[in-house]
């Protein structure tokens, strides 16, 4: 019986400690002192992204803070372009070449 009583006391203490952690976390998040807010980024208004003549954008995918463009319609057009959506800066090009 003494072992069972000790186990119940230890488990009760763990429950109380867990509850205190949850309450403190909620209070910190509500007060705003838990973490800094993400800075707002200025966007861009107009962007000219050059692509080779005769190529078409076949697919666009937004991933995190990047826009991925897949070009097609011709052998030299098999490319993937990555653009930063916050600044409009061209991050890089992947050329897809046959092996």
Protein backbone atom coordinates (compact mmCIF):
# COMPACT_ATOMS: atom_id res chain seq x y z
CA UNK A 1 0.00 0.00 0.00
CA UNK A 2 2.85 2.42 0.74
CA UNK A 3 4.24 1.92 -2.79
CA UNK A 4 0.84 2.64 -4.31
CA UNK A 5 0.46 5.78 -2.17
CA UNK A 6 3.90 7.01 -3.27
CA UNK A 7 3.03 6.37 -6.92
CA UNK A 8 -0.23 8.32 -6.62
CA UNK A 9 1.57 11.26 -4.97
CA UNK A 10 4.27 11.33 -7.68
CA UNK A 11 1.68 11.15 -10.48
CA UNK A 12 -0.35 13.93 -8.85
CA UNK A 13 2.76 16.12 -8.65
CA UNK A 14 3.47 15.48 -12.35
CA UNK A 15 -0.09 16.48 -13.27
CA UNK A 16 0.21 19.72 -11.26
CA UNK A 17 3.61 20.51 -12.85
CA UNK A 18 2.21 19.90 -16.33
CA UNK A 19 -0.77 22.13 -15.61
CA UNK A 20 1.55 24.92 -14.42
CA UNK A 21 3.59 24.66 -17.63
CA UNK A 22 0.44 24.90 -19.76
CA UNK A 23 -0.89 27.93 -17.83
CA UNK A 24 2.46 29.76 -17.98
CA UNK A 25 2.76 29.06 -21.73
CA UNK A 26 -0.73 30.39 -22.41
CA UNK A 27 -0.07 33.49 -20.29
CA UNK A 28 3.22 34.21 -22.10
CA UNK A 29 1.62 33.85 -25.53
CA UNK A 30 -1.28 36.11 -24.59
CA UNK A 31 1.03 38.79 -23.24
CA UNK A 32 3.23 38.60 -26.37
CA UNK A 33 6.46 38.04 -24.45
CA UNK A 34 6.82 34.41 -25.53
CA UNK A 35 8.14 35.09 -29.01
CA UNK A 36 8.56 38.00 -31.33
CA UNK A 37 6.10 38.46 -34.14
CA UNK A 38 7.37 37.77 -37.62
CA UNK A 39 8.41 40.97 -39.36
CA UNK A 40 6.21 42.08 -42.21
CA UNK A 41 7.96 42.12 -45.54
CA UNK A 42 7.34 44.64 -48.24
CA UNK A 43 6.19 43.11 -51.51
CA UNK A 44 6.93 44.14 -55.04
CA UNK A 45 4.59 45.78 -57.49
CA UNK A 46 5.81 44.79 -60.95
CA UNK A 47 8.33 42.16 -61.94
CA UNK A 48 9.67 41.36 -65.39
CA UNK A 49 10.95 37.78 -65.29
CA UNK A 50 12.65 36.96 -68.59
CA UNK A 51 12.00 33.54 -70.08
CA UNK A 52 13.42 32.24 -73.39
CA UNK A 53 11.47 33.20 -76.51
CA UNK A 54 8.87 30.62 -77.48
CA UNK A 55 8.65 29.10 -73.99
CA UNK A 56 5.46 28.90 -71.99
CA UNK A 57 4.77 28.57 -68.29
CA UNK A 58 3.35 25.06 -67.97
CA UNK A 59 2.94 24.95 -64.20
CA UNK A 60 3.22 27.25 -61.15
CA UNK A 61 3.57 26.08 -57.56
CA UNK A 62 3.84 28.28 -54.46
CA UNK A 63 6.15 26.71 -51.87
CA UNK A 64 6.89 28.58 -48.62
CA UNK A 65 8.11 32.00 -49.77
CA UNK A 66 8.99 30.87 -53.29
CA UNK A 67 7.14 30.61 -56.57
CA UNK A 68 8.28 27.69 -58.71
CA UNK A 69 7.60 27.99 -62.47
CA UNK A 70 7.97 25.05 -64.85
CA UNK A 71 8.56 26.10 -68.45
CA UNK A 72 7.91 23.92 -71.44
CA UNK A 73 7.07 23.72 -75.15
CA UNK A 74 10.42 22.95 -76.72
CA UNK A 75 13.70 21.26 -75.84
CA UNK A 76 15.48 24.46 -74.77
CA UNK A 77 12.43 25.46 -72.74
CA UNK A 78 12.65 22.55 -70.29
CA UNK A 79 13.48 24.68 -67.27
CA UNK A 80 12.34 25.30 -63.73
CA UNK A 81 12.56 28.86 -62.37
CA UNK A 82 12.46 29.81 -58.68
CA UNK A 83 11.32 33.30 -57.64
CA UNK A 84 11.26 34.84 -54.16
CA UNK A 85 7.66 35.99 -53.63
CA UNK A 86 8.60 38.65 -51.09
CA UNK A 87 11.09 40.52 -53.25
CA UNK A 88 10.41 39.22 -56.76
CA UNK A 89 14.06 38.28 -57.11
CA UNK A 90 14.93 35.42 -59.48
CA UNK A 91 16.58 32.82 -57.23
CA UNK A 92 17.74 30.33 -59.80
CA UNK A 93 17.11 28.17 -62.84
CA UNK A 94 17.22 24.41 -63.24
CA UNK A 95 17.67 23.23 -66.82
CA UNK A 96 16.20 19.83 -67.55
CA UNK A 97 18.44 18.05 -70.07
CA UNK A 98 17.99 14.57 -71.52
CA UNK A 99 20.54 12.01 -70.42
